[in-house]
Structure formats: C-alpha cells, structure tokens
Amino acid sequence: MGLIIDRRTFLWHAGAGMASLVWRPSGLNDLNAKPLLRFGLVTDSHYADRPEAGIRYYRESLAKMQECIDVFNRSQLDFVIHLGDFKDQNVQPQADETLHYLESLEAIYGSFVGPRYHCVGNHDVDSITKKQFLHGVTNTGIDPGSSYYQFSHHGFSCLVLDANYYADGRDHYYAEGADWQDIRIPESEVLWLKETLETHREPTFIFCHHPLFEYTHGNTVYHVQNHEAIRRILEDHQQVVTVFQGHTHESRQTEIQGIHYLTLLAMVDQSGPENNAYAIAEVYPDRIELIGYRRIADKT
C-alpha cells in the first residue's frame, strides 16, 4: 500500500498525557485504520557523569532513557532511532571516560526488544572518533563502519544521513579542532543518497542529526552547509515523506516543497522525569501521527 505524500496539513491534538502531530491529506480521515508502521524517536540525550550546565542535566539522561525504552518496549514498535548526540564528555575530556558513558547509555538503549538505530551527532565525535562511536553502538543489520545507511520496514525505506564531515570528506573529530558549525554531507555520501533513492522507490523517511534547512540563532549556524543541494535531491525523487532531525534542542515543524521537516526536543534539557522528551511515530495510509511524551506533550 503506497503512502499518500501530497496535500498534507498540520493538526495538533491534546489528550491524556500525550500530544499527536497529524499530517493528513485533505478528505482522508479514516481514524480507525491500523498503522502501517510504528517507530520510536529520541534525540540529544548527551549522557555524561558531569554536573549540569545551564539547562542540560547530563547525569539524568540514564534514568530518562530507561523510562523511554520501557515505554517503547510496551508499545509494540517496529524499530527505534536516536537522532544523535547520544552521549557527551567531561569538562576536561578523557577518551576512556567518554567511552564509558557511551557504553552505559547504550546498555539501556540496547535493551529495546527490536531493531534499533543511531544517527551520529556532533557530540558523538568529541573526545572519541567516529569509528569508536560506531563500534560502541549497534545499528541493527548495519555494518558497524557505516555512519550513513539504509534499512526497510513494512514497505517503507529509511535513510540515515551523517553530516559530521569536512568539505574534503574527512571525518569530524573535535579533539583535533573540528568546527561543529562547519558541517556538510560530502560528495561520496551525496552520490550514495542519489543511488539509494533510485534503488529504493518506496515511501521514504530521512533521519539526520543536523537540520536540512537554514537554522540559525544570531551568528550560530546549526544547519548542514549544503542543505539546499541535499533538499533538491530529496525533492527530485518525490518519494520522501518526512525528515526527522535533532541538534537544535528545539521543536520545529516546517514543510518545504511537499516534504515535512520535524525537529525534536532534546532529552537532556531540564531536570526531572517530567521533563523527559521522546515520541512515537505512527504511519497510516493517509497520515502520520507523532505521539509525544513528557515535555514534548507539554508543547501542545
């Protein structure tokens, strides 16, 4: 069954401890249909055993992630995906400590009973390399050396992108002085993206830590530098439904040329279980509903 991907509108519905973001084509309102696909979303947990800084409560992400995975395990999901900045580092970074934080959080995230995936965030390549991060996590069925990849579920294609690169295609590594605002998808990945969209023509979801549209605060840049070129590729292939993003710690939804872009709130921000943040996406033949929990629900 093909997913209808045009003429969508945003509607918010509040209810019993959660909120639903609905993208529904005009005239199609079969709310009794069963979802074709259900998956969990979480981003920017930034776990580290360090004191809070501003509104970031690094230590609390262990308990927050445990709650998140407990809910996901009760929800009969097809898969879960973390949108990046999985872990963090100490104020005085040490690679062995950072790897321990990665291992501790992955042990909880890995308790999800089903396929699980990660996007690479800029804080995932701070005092450890991209290779170290990728070998410290599990992306189900994916080569551990691959930071961008494709997987399929129930007739939908899912593409995970990685923008943690220099212009010449070298991996970012912040211990060596990489600029976290100078992020781009390199030519080799652009070629892979085109080929993968050609090969997998089913309705497609894109997952990327960094925004694929212009996103700035003052002089600070949060978006992928070559976002316009990447968006043109997505638009030209016409099967991309939604792009899910993290990085900014803010909630934002926008539509560009028929593709919806959804940026999720960060798990690490604010203290206490009531300020957790994670969501479940339900995909129907005529709409997508995003069921938000905790602080995401409070944004309705």
C-alpha atoms as a PDB file:
ATOM      1  CA  MET A   1       0.000   0.000   0.000  1.00  0.00           C
ATOM      2  CA  GLY A   2       1.501   3.317  -1.023  1.00  0.00           C
ATOM      3  CA  LEU A   3       1.579   6.251   1.341  1.00  0.00           C
ATOM      4  CA  ILE A   4      -0.083   9.419   0.050  1.00  0.00           C
ATOM      5  CA  ILE A   5       2.523  12.148   0.360  1.00  0.00           C
ATOM      6  CA  ASP A   6       0.883  15.291  -1.010  1.00  0.00           C
ATOM      7  CA  ARG A   7      -1.638  17.864   0.290  1.00  0.00           C
ATOM      8  CA  ARG A   8      -0.721  17.359   3.954  1.00  0.00           C
ATOM      9  CA  THR A   9      -1.588  19.760   6.740  1.00  0.00           C
ATOM     10  CA  PHE A  10      -0.533  20.010  10.384  1.00  0.00           C
ATOM     11  CA  LEU A  11      -3.065  19.391  13.133  1.00  0.00           C
ATOM     12  CA  TRP A  12      -2.324  19.104  16.854  1.00  0.00           C
ATOM     13  CA  HIS A  13      -4.492  17.076  19.231  1.00  0.00           C
ATOM     14  CA  ALA A  14      -4.025  17.076  23.001  1.00  0.00           C
ATOM     15  CA  GLY A  15      -5.071  14.129  25.130  1.00  0.00           C
ATOM     16  CA  ALA A  16      -4.323  12.061  28.245  1.00  0.00           C
ATOM     17  CA  GLY A  17      -0.665  12.823  28.831  1.00  0.00           C
ATOM     18  CA  MET A  18       0.353  12.965  25.182  1.00  0.00           C
ATOM     19  CA  ALA A  19       0.004  15.042  22.043  1.00  0.00           C
ATOM     20  CA  SER A  20      -0.415  13.976  18.447  1.00  0.00           C
ATOM     21  CA  LEU A  21       1.025  15.730  15.421  1.00  0.00           C
ATOM     22  CA  VAL A  22      -1.056  14.711  12.426  1.00  0.00           C
ATOM     23  CA  TRP A  23      -0.130  15.200   8.776  1.00  0.00           C
ATOM     24  CA  ARG A  24      -3.309  14.385   6.905  1.00  0.00           C
ATOM     25  CA  PRO A  25      -4.187  14.779   3.213  1.00  0.00           C
ATOM     26  CA  SER A  26      -7.432  16.645   2.621  1.00  0.00           C
ATOM     27  CA  GLY A  27     -10.530  14.454   2.534  1.00  0.00           C
ATOM     28  CA  LEU A  28      -8.893  11.346   4.017  1.00  0.00           C
ATOM     29  CA  ASN A  29      -9.850  10.894   7.637  1.00  0.00           C
ATOM     30  CA  ASP A  30     -10.108   7.175   8.395  1.00  0.00           C
ATOM     31  CA  LEU A  31      -9.032   7.388  12.021  1.00  0.00           C
ATOM     32  CA  ASN A  32      -9.953   3.731  12.617  1.00  0.00           C
ATOM     33  CA  ALA A  33      -7.244   2.379  10.313  1.00  0.00           C
ATOM     34  CA  LYS A  34      -4.361   0.462  11.864  1.00  0.00           C
ATOM     35  CA  PRO A  35      -0.883   1.976  11.451  1.00  0.00           C
ATOM     36  CA  LEU A  36       1.328   0.522   8.747  1.00  0.00           C
ATOM     37  CA  LEU A  37       4.481   1.370  10.710  1.00  0.00           C
ATOM     38  CA  ARG A  38       5.258   2.472  14.277  1.00  0.00           C
ATOM     39  CA  PHE A  39       8.669   3.645  15.461  1.00  0.00           C
ATOM     40  CA  GLY A  40      10.237   5.396  18.433  1.00  0.00           C
ATOM     41  CA  LEU A  41      12.166   8.663  18.254  1.00  0.00           C
ATOM     42  CA  VAL A  42      14.534  10.257  20.757  1.00  0.00           C
ATOM     43  CA  THR A  43      17.367  12.748  20.401  1.00  0.00           C
ATOM     44  CA  ASP A  44      20.111  14.668  22.184  1.00  0.00           C
ATOM     45  CA  SER A  45      20.426  12.666  25.402  1.00  0.00           C
ATOM     46  CA  HIS A  46      24.017  13.923  25.919  1.00  0.00           C
ATOM     47  CA  TYR A  47      24.711  11.475  28.741  1.00  0.00           C
ATOM     48  CA  ALA A  48      27.822  12.094  30.858  1.00  0.00           C
ATOM     49  CA  ASP A  49      28.567  11.836  34.570  1.00  0.00           C
ATOM     50  CA  ARG A  50      29.138  15.559  34.979  1.00  0.00           C
ATOM     51  CA  PRO A  51      27.348  18.452  36.699  1.00  0.00           C
ATOM     52  CA  GLU A  52      24.554  20.238  34.920  1.00  0.00           C
ATOM     53  CA  ALA A  53      25.401  23.202  32.700  1.00  0.00           C
ATOM     54  CA  GLY A  54      22.643  25.686  32.056  1.00  0.00           C
ATOM     55  CA  ILE A  55      19.529  23.622  31.330  1.00  0.00           C
ATOM     56  CA  ARG A  56      21.467  20.470  30.407  1.00  0.00           C
ATOM     57  CA  TYR A  57      21.211  17.781  33.089  1.00  0.00           C
ATOM     58  CA  TYR A  58      23.672  15.250  31.732  1.00  0.00           C
ATOM     59  CA  ARG A  59      23.510  12.678  34.536  1.00  0.00           C
ATOM     60  CA  GLU A  60      19.726  12.412  34.375  1.00  0.00           C
ATOM     61  CA  SER A  61      19.762  11.026  30.846  1.00  0.00           C
ATOM     62  CA  LEU A  62      20.386   7.493  32.135  1.00  0.00           C
ATOM     63  CA  ALA A  63      17.085   7.449  34.029  1.00  0.00           C
ATOM     64  CA  LYS A  64      15.306   9.340  31.261  1.00  0.00           C
ATOM     65  CA  MET A  65      16.500   6.825  28.678  1.00  0.00           C
ATOM     66  CA  GLN A  66      15.377   3.937  30.875  1.00  0.00           C
ATOM     67  CA  GLU A  67      11.864   5.393  31.030  1.00  0.00           C
ATOM     68  CA  CYS A  68      11.895   5.991  27.281  1.00  0.00           C
ATOM     69  CA  ILE A  69      12.924   2.418  26.466  1.00  0.00           C
ATOM     70  CA  ASP A  70      10.430   0.994  28.965  1.00  0.00           C
ATOM     71  CA  VAL A  71       7.638   2.850  27.155  1.00  0.00           C
ATOM     72  CA  PHE A  72       8.961   1.813  23.748  1.00  0.00           C
ATOM     73  CA  ASN A  73       9.114  -1.834  24.826  1.00  0.00           C
ATOM     74  CA  ARG A  74       5.457  -1.724  25.881  1.00  0.00           C
ATOM     75  CA  SER A  75       4.393  -0.112  22.611  1.00  0.00           C
ATOM     76  CA  GLN A  76       4.989  -2.870  20.025  1.00  0.00           C
ATOM     77  CA  LEU A  77       7.199  -0.718  17.804  1.00  0.00           C
ATOM     78  CA  ASP A  78       8.834  -1.802  14.568  1.00  0.00           C
ATOM     79  CA  PHE A  79      12.096  -0.019  15.450  1.00  0.00           C
ATOM     80  CA  VAL A  80      13.579   2.866  17.429  1.00  0.00           C
ATOM     81  CA  ILE A  81      16.064   5.502  16.309  1.00  0.00           C
ATOM     82  CA  HIS A  82      18.187   8.021  18.202  1.00  0.00           C
ATOM     83  CA  LEU A  83      18.779  11.214  16.222  1.00  0.00           C
ATOM     84  CA  GLY A  84      22.250  11.949  17.583  1.00  0.00           C
ATOM     85  CA  ASP A  85      24.261  13.499  20.421  1.00  0.00           C
ATOM     86  CA  PHE A  86      23.758  10.213  22.211  1.00  0.00           C
ATOM     87  CA  LYS A  87      26.463  10.890  24.821  1.00  0.00           C
ATOM     88  CA  ASP A  88      28.663  13.760  25.950  1.00  0.00           C
ATOM     89  CA  GLN A  89      32.036  14.172  27.687  1.00  0.00           C
ATOM     90  CA  ASN A  90      33.516  15.673  30.845  1.00  0.00           C
ATOM     91  CA  VAL A  91      34.524  19.307  31.177  1.00  0.00           C
ATOM     92  CA  GLN A  92      38.101  18.008  31.000  1.00  0.00           C
ATOM     93  CA  PRO A  93      37.579  15.284  28.383  1.00  0.00           C
ATOM     94  CA  GLN A  94      39.191  11.872  28.599  1.00  0.00           C
ATOM     95  CA  ALA A  95      38.517   9.349  25.846  1.00  0.00           C
ATOM     96  CA  ASP A  96      38.223   6.392  28.229  1.00  0.00           C
ATOM     97  CA  GLU A  97      35.609   8.202  30.332  1.00  0.00           C
ATOM     98  CA  THR A  98      33.672   9.187  27.216  1.00  0.00           C
ATOM     99  CA  LEU A  99      33.664   5.575  26.031  1.00  0.00           C
ATOM    100  CA  HIS A 100      32.327   4.527  29.430  1.00  0.00           C
ATOM    101  CA  TYR A 101      29.439   6.999  29.097  1.00  0.00           C
ATOM    102  CA  LEU A 102      28.719   5.609  25.649  1.00  0.00           C
ATOM    103  CA  GLU A 103      28.749   2.036  26.957  1.00  0.00           C
ATOM    104  CA  SER A 104      26.493   2.890  29.910  1.00  0.00           C
ATOM    105  CA  LEU A 105      23.806   4.566  27.820  1.00  0.00           C
ATOM    106  CA  GLU A 106      23.971   2.008  25.011  1.00  0.00           C
ATOM    107  CA  ALA A 107      23.330  -0.742  27.580  1.00  0.00           C
ATOM    108  CA  ILE A 108      19.970   0.889  28.335  1.00  0.00           C
ATOM    109  CA  TYR A 109      19.121   1.852  24.759  1.00  0.00           C
ATOM    110  CA  GLY A 110      20.120  -1.654  23.682  1.00  0.00           C
ATOM    111  CA  SER A 111      17.507  -3.176  25.993  1.00  0.00           C
ATOM    112  CA  PHE A 112      14.859  -2.263  23.423  1.00  0.00           C
ATOM    113  CA  VAL A 113      13.385  -5.510  22.154  1.00  0.00           C
ATOM    114  CA  GLY A 114      13.632  -4.914  18.424  1.00  0.00           C
ATOM    115  CA  PRO A 115      15.741  -3.194  15.766  1.00  0.00           C
ATOM    116  CA  ARG A 116      17.491  -0.027  16.894  1.00  0.00           C
ATOM    117  CA  TYR A 117      19.490   2.628  15.086  1.00  0.00           C
ATOM    118  CA  HIS A 118      21.569   5.772  15.672  1.00  0.00           C
ATOM    119  CA  CYS A 119      22.356   8.971  13.807  1.00  0.00           C
ATOM    120  CA  VAL A 120      25.812  10.376  14.532  1.00  0.00           C
ATOM    121  CA  GLY A 121      25.707  13.764  16.264  1.00  0.00           C
ATOM    122  CA  ASN A 122      28.492  16.288  16.693  1.00  0.00           C
ATOM    123  CA  HIS A 123      28.874  15.425  20.401  1.00  0.00           C
ATOM    124  CA  ASP A 124      29.297  11.783  19.442  1.00  0.00           C
ATOM    125  CA  VAL A 125      32.652  12.648  17.839  1.00  0.00           C
ATOM    126  CA  ASP A 126      34.078  14.926  20.530  1.00  0.00           C
ATOM    127  CA  SER A 127      36.796  13.139  22.515  1.00  0.00           C
ATOM    128  CA  ILE A 128      36.299   9.847  20.648  1.00  0.00           C
ATOM    129  CA  THR A 129      36.444   9.242  16.911  1.00  0.00           C
ATOM    130  CA  LYS A 130      33.524   8.385  14.683  1.00  0.00           C
ATOM    131  CA  LYS A 131      34.916   4.865  14.361  1.00  0.00           C
ATOM    132  CA  GLN A 132      34.996   4.473  18.139  1.00  0.00           C
ATOM    133  CA  PHE A 133      31.425   5.700  18.431  1.00  0.00           C
ATOM    134  CA  LEU A 134      30.115   3.413  15.700  1.00  0.00           C
ATOM    135  CA  HIS A 135      31.832   0.378  17.209  1.00  0.00           C
ATOM    136  CA  GLY A 136      30.332   1.249  20.596  1.00  0.00           C
ATOM    137  CA  VAL A 137      26.720   1.145  19.412  1.00  0.00           C
ATOM    138  CA  THR A 138      24.517  -1.255  17.489  1.00  0.00           C
ATOM    139  CA  ASN A 139      22.653  -0.335  14.320  1.00  0.00           C
ATOM    140  CA  THR A 140      20.686  -3.492  13.617  1.00  0.00           C
ATOM    141  CA  GLY A 141      21.837  -5.259  10.467  1.00  0.00           C
ATOM    142  CA  ILE A 142      24.190  -2.418   9.503  1.00  0.00           C
ATOM    143  CA  ASP A 143      27.954  -2.652   9.001  1.00  0.00           C
ATOM    144  CA  PRO A 144      29.500  -1.111  12.164  1.00  0.00           C
ATOM    145  CA  GLY A 145      31.736   1.028   9.975  1.00  0.00           C
ATOM    146  CA  SER A 146      28.808   2.784   8.274  1.00  0.00           C
ATOM    147  CA  SER A 147      27.645   6.149   9.619  1.00  0.00           C
ATOM    148  CA  TYR A 148      25.053   6.617   6.850  1.00  0.00           C
ATOM    149  CA  TYR A 149      22.899   3.720   5.744  1.00  0.00           C
ATOM    150  CA  GLN A 150      19.502   2.431   4.598  1.00  0.00           C
ATOM    151  CA  PHE A 151      17.052  -0.013   6.121  1.00  0.00           C
ATOM    152  CA  SER A 152      13.481  -1.037   5.296  1.00  0.00           C
ATOM    153  CA  HIS A 153      10.393  -1.903   7.320  1.00  0.00           C
ATOM    154  CA  HIS A 154       6.918  -2.871   6.100  1.00  0.00           C
ATOM    155  CA  GLY A 155       7.261  -1.287   2.677  1.00  0.00           C
ATOM    156  CA  PHE A 156       8.971   1.913   3.841  1.00  0.00           C
ATOM    157  CA  SER A 157      12.584   2.913   3.222  1.00  0.00           C
ATOM    158  CA  CYS A 158      14.543   4.678   5.966  1.00  0.00           C
ATOM    159  CA  LEU A 159      17.740   6.592   5.199  1.00  0.00           C
ATOM    160  CA  VAL A 160      20.108   7.741   7.941  1.00  0.00           C
ATOM    161  CA  LEU A 161      22.430  10.615   6.976  1.00  0.00           C
ATOM    162  CA  ASP A 162      25.680  11.846   8.536  1.00  0.00           C
ATOM    163  CA  ALA A 163      26.868  15.452   8.171  1.00  0.00           C
ATOM    164  CA  ASN A 164      29.874  15.243  10.506  1.00  0.00           C
ATOM    165  CA  TYR A 165      32.435  15.867   7.768  1.00  0.00           C
ATOM    166  CA  TYR A 166      34.870  18.454   6.499  1.00  0.00           C
ATOM    167  CA  ALA A 167      34.364  19.774   2.974  1.00  0.00           C
ATOM    168  CA  ASP A 168      37.014  17.354   1.689  1.00  0.00           C
ATOM    169  CA  GLY A 169      35.175  14.338   3.123  1.00  0.00           C
ATOM    170  CA  ARG A 170      37.313  13.744   6.207  1.00  0.00           C
ATOM    171  CA  ASP A 171      35.515  12.804   9.425  1.00  0.00           C
ATOM    172  CA  HIS A 172      34.970  15.498  12.013  1.00  0.00           C
ATOM    173  CA  TYR A 173      36.805  14.899  15.295  1.00  0.00           C
ATOM    174  CA  TYR A 174      36.532  17.717  17.805  1.00  0.00           C
ATOM    175  CA  ALA A 175      39.565  16.696  19.852  1.00  0.00           C
ATOM    176  CA  GLU A 176      41.542  17.745  16.771  1.00  0.00           C
ATOM    177  CA  GLY A 177      39.810  21.101  16.459  1.00  0.00           C
ATOM    178  CA  ALA A 178      36.885  20.496  14.090  1.00  0.00           C
ATOM    179  CA  ASP A 179      34.361  23.350  13.812  1.00  0.00           C
ATOM    180  CA  TRP A 180      30.944  21.988  14.831  1.00  0.00           C
ATOM    181  CA  GLN A 181      29.199  24.673  12.752  1.00  0.00           C
ATOM    182  CA  ASP A 182      31.063  23.731   9.557  1.00  0.00           C
ATOM    183  CA  ILE A 183      29.122  20.560   8.818  1.00  0.00           C
ATOM    184  CA  ARG A 184      28.283  19.109   5.440  1.00  0.00           C
ATOM    185  CA  ILE A 185      27.313  15.947   3.626  1.00  0.00           C
ATOM    186  CA  PRO A 186      30.333  15.008   1.472  1.00  0.00           C
ATOM    187  CA  GLU A 187      30.262  14.125  -2.211  1.00  0.00           C
ATOM    188  CA  SER A 188      30.609  10.392  -1.591  1.00  0.00           C
ATOM    189  CA  GLU A 189      27.516  10.426   0.625  1.00  0.00           C
ATOM    190  CA  VAL A 190      25.625  12.630  -1.848  1.00  0.00           C
ATOM    191  CA  LEU A 191      26.287  10.042  -4.552  1.00  0.00           C
ATOM    192  CA  TRP A 192      25.158   7.261  -2.207  1.00  0.00           C
ATOM    193  CA  LEU A 193      21.979   9.221  -1.396  1.00  0.00           C
ATOM    194  CA  LYS A 194      21.079   9.610  -5.068  1.00  0.00           C
ATOM    195  CA  GLU A 195      21.748   5.954  -5.832  1.00  0.00           C
ATOM    196  CA  THR A 196      19.820   4.751  -2.787  1.00  0.00           C
ATOM    197  CA  LEU A 197      16.780   6.878  -3.608  1.00  0.00           C
ATOM    198  CA  GLU A 198      16.867   5.475  -7.141  1.00  0.00           C
ATOM    199  CA  THR A 199      17.129   1.898  -5.901  1.00  0.00           C
ATOM    200  CA  HIS A 200      14.551   2.149  -3.101  1.00  0.00           C
ATOM    201  CA  ARG A 201      11.492   3.845  -4.584  1.00  0.00           C
ATOM    202  CA  GLU A 202       9.099   3.104  -1.723  1.00  0.00           C
ATOM    203  CA  PRO A 203       7.859   5.916   0.577  1.00  0.00           C
ATOM    204  CA  THR A 204      10.930   7.178   2.428  1.00  0.00           C
ATOM    205  CA  PHE A 205      11.815   8.691   5.791  1.00  0.00           C
ATOM    206  CA  ILE A 206      15.080  10.575   6.299  1.00  0.00           C
ATOM    207  CA  PHE A 207      16.833  10.755   9.675  1.00  0.00           C
ATOM    208  CA  CYS A 208      19.661  13.250  10.247  1.00  0.00           C
ATOM    209  CA  HIS A 209      21.080  14.848  13.379  1.00  0.00           C
ATOM    210  CA  HIS A 210      21.552  18.251  11.740  1.00  0.00           C
ATOM    211  CA  PRO A 211      18.757  20.311  10.120  1.00  0.00           C
ATOM    212  CA  LEU A 212      18.426  20.183   6.342  1.00  0.00           C
ATOM    213  CA  PHE A 213      17.044  23.713   6.172  1.00  0.00           C
ATOM    214  CA  GLU A 214      18.509  27.041   7.289  1.00  0.00           C
ATOM    215  CA  TYR A 215      18.561  27.133  11.080  1.00  0.00           C
ATOM    216  CA  THR A 216      20.499  29.854  12.898  1.00  0.00           C
ATOM    217  CA  HIS A 217      20.460  31.750  16.190  1.00  0.00           C
ATOM    218  CA  GLY A 218      22.288  35.030  15.796  1.00  0.00           C
ATOM    219  CA  ASN A 219      25.649  34.138  14.287  1.00  0.00           C
ATOM    220  CA  THR A 220      25.443  30.474  15.318  1.00  0.00           C
ATOM    221  CA  VAL A 221      24.792  28.014  12.490  1.00  0.00           C
ATOM    222  CA  TYR A 222      23.000  24.719  13.152  1.00  0.00           C
ATOM    223  CA  HIS A 223      22.163  23.523   9.638  1.00  0.00           C
ATOM    224  CA  VAL A 224      24.037  21.367   7.141  1.00  0.00           C
ATOM    225  CA  GLN A 225      26.085  23.724   4.959  1.00  0.00           C
ATOM    226  CA  ASN A 226      24.980  22.114   1.683  1.00  0.00           C
ATOM    227  CA  HIS A 227      21.380  21.655   2.813  1.00  0.00           C
ATOM    228  CA  GLU A 228      19.905  23.212  -0.338  1.00  0.00           C
ATOM    229  CA  ALA A 229      21.635  20.699  -2.602  1.00  0.00           C
ATOM    230  CA  ILE A 230      20.535  17.816  -0.368  1.00  0.00           C
ATOM    231  CA  ARG A 231      16.933  19.036  -0.315  1.00  0.00           C
ATOM    232  CA  ARG A 232      16.863  19.281  -4.113  1.00  0.00           C
ATOM    233  CA  ILE A 233      17.854  15.616  -4.317  1.00  0.00           C
ATOM    234  CA  LEU A 234      15.070  14.660  -1.905  1.00  0.00           C
ATOM    235  CA  GLU A 235      12.545  16.770  -3.805  1.00  0.00           C
ATOM    236  CA  ASP A 236      13.560  15.452  -7.217  1.00  0.00           C
ATOM    237  CA  HIS A 237      12.928  11.848  -6.193  1.00  0.00           C
ATOM    238  CA  GLN A 238       9.424  12.616  -4.866  1.00  0.00           C
ATOM    239  CA  GLN A 239       9.088   9.641  -2.514  1.00  0.00           C
ATOM    240  CA  VAL A 240      10.447  11.350   0.614  1.00  0.00           C
ATOM    241  CA  VAL A 241       7.666  11.890   3.143  1.00  0.00           C
ATOM    242  CA  THR A 242       9.358  13.330   6.230  1.00  0.00           C
ATOM    243  CA  VAL A 243      12.789  14.325   7.537  1.00  0.00           C
ATOM    244  CA  PHE A 244      13.346  13.823  11.290  1.00  0.00           C
ATOM    245  CA  GLN A 245      16.089  15.937  12.922  1.00  0.00           C
ATOM    246  CA  GLY A 246      17.665  16.842  16.281  1.00  0.00           C
ATOM    247  CA  HIS A 247      20.660  19.045  17.212  1.00  0.00           C
ATOM    248  CA  THR A 248      18.898  22.349  17.979  1.00  0.00           C
ATOM    249  CA  HIS A 249      17.142  21.157  21.170  1.00  0.00           C
ATOM    250  CA  GLU A 250      14.031  22.962  19.915  1.00  0.00           C
ATOM    251  CA  SER A 251      10.736  21.761  18.500  1.00  0.00           C
ATOM    252  CA  ARG A 252      10.058  22.947  14.980  1.00  0.00           C
ATOM    253  CA  GLN A 253       7.924  21.745  12.085  1.00  0.00           C
ATOM    254  CA  THR A 254       8.071  23.102   8.569  1.00  0.00           C
ATOM    255  CA  GLU A 255       7.130  21.995   5.062  1.00  0.00           C
ATOM    256  CA  ILE A 256       9.366  22.683   2.057  1.00  0.00           C
ATOM    257  CA  GLN A 257       8.300  21.600  -1.427  1.00  0.00           C
ATOM    258  CA  GLY A 258       5.925  18.960  -0.093  1.00  0.00           C
ATOM    259  CA  ILE A 259       8.379  17.384   2.382  1.00  0.00           C
ATOM    260  CA  HIS A 260       7.815  17.803   6.114  1.00  0.00           C
ATOM    261  CA  TYR A 261      10.787  18.544   8.368  1.00  0.00           C
ATOM    262  CA  LEU A 262      10.358  17.813  12.066  1.00  0.00           C
ATOM    263  CA  THR A 263      12.944  18.779  14.694  1.00  0.00           C
ATOM    264  CA  LEU A 264      12.516  17.168  18.120  1.00  0.00           C
ATOM    265  CA  LEU A 265      13.161  18.441  21.639  1.00  0.00           C
ATOM    266  CA  ALA A 266      16.291  17.265  23.469  1.00  0.00           C
ATOM    267  CA  MET A 267      16.100  14.641  26.214  1.00  0.00           C
ATOM    268  CA  VAL A 268      18.951  16.252  28.196  1.00  0.00           C
ATOM    269  CA  ASP A 269      17.286  19.624  28.753  1.00  0.00           C
ATOM    270  CA  GLN A 270      15.574  20.420  32.071  1.00  0.00           C
ATOM    271  CA  SER A 271      15.607  18.370  35.265  1.00  0.00           C
ATOM    272  CA  GLY A 272      13.267  15.636  36.428  1.00  0.00           C
ATOM    273  CA  PRO A 273      11.323  12.817  34.774  1.00  0.00           C
ATOM    274  CA  GLU A 274       8.509  15.219  33.924  1.00  0.00           C
ATOM    275  CA  ASN A 275      10.966  16.960  31.578  1.00  0.00           C
ATOM    276  CA  ASN A 276      11.873  13.873  29.600  1.00  0.00           C
ATOM    277  CA  ALA A 277      11.317  14.010  25.820  1.00  0.00           C
ATOM    278  CA  TYR A 278      10.666  11.188  23.345  1.00  0.00           C
ATOM    279  CA  ALA A 279       7.994  10.263  20.827  1.00  0.00           C
ATOM    280  CA  ILE A 280       6.350   7.529  18.779  1.00  0.00           C
ATOM    281  CA  ALA A 281       5.521   7.989  15.094  1.00  0.00           C
ATOM    282  CA  GLU A 282       2.539   6.110  13.670  1.00  0.00           C
ATOM    283  CA  VAL A 283       2.311   5.894   9.889  1.00  0.00           C
ATOM    284  CA  TYR A 284      -1.118   5.369   8.297  1.00  0.00           C
ATOM    285  CA  PRO A 285      -2.118   5.183   4.613  1.00  0.00           C
ATOM    286  CA  ASP A 286      -3.393   8.773   4.806  1.00  0.00           C
ATOM    287  CA  ARG A 287      -1.441  10.465   7.598  1.00  0.00           C
ATOM    288  CA  ILE A 288       1.397  10.364  10.119  1.00  0.00           C
ATOM    289  CA  GLU A 289       0.756  10.893  13.809  1.00  0.00           C
ATOM    290  CA  LEU A 290       3.533  11.822  16.226  1.00  0.00           C
ATOM    291  CA  ILE A 291       2.657  10.855  19.804  1.00  0.00           C
ATOM    292  CA  GLY A 292       4.790  12.923  22.155  1.00  0.00           C
ATOM    293  CA  TYR A 293       5.638  12.077  25.766  1.00  0.00           C
ATOM    294  CA  ARG A 294       6.541  14.219  28.765  1.00  0.00           C
ATOM    295  CA  ARG A 295       7.961  17.597  27.696  1.00  0.00           C
ATOM    296  CA  ILE A 296       7.068  17.057  24.055  1.00  0.00           C
ATOM    297  CA  ALA A 297       3.436  16.688  25.119  1.00  0.00           C
ATOM    298  CA  ASP A 298       3.711  19.926  27.112  1.00  0.00           C
ATOM    299  CA  LYS A 299       4.445  21.802  23.877  1.00  0.00           C
ATOM    300  CA  THR A 300       0.894  21.347  22.512  1.00  0.00           C
END
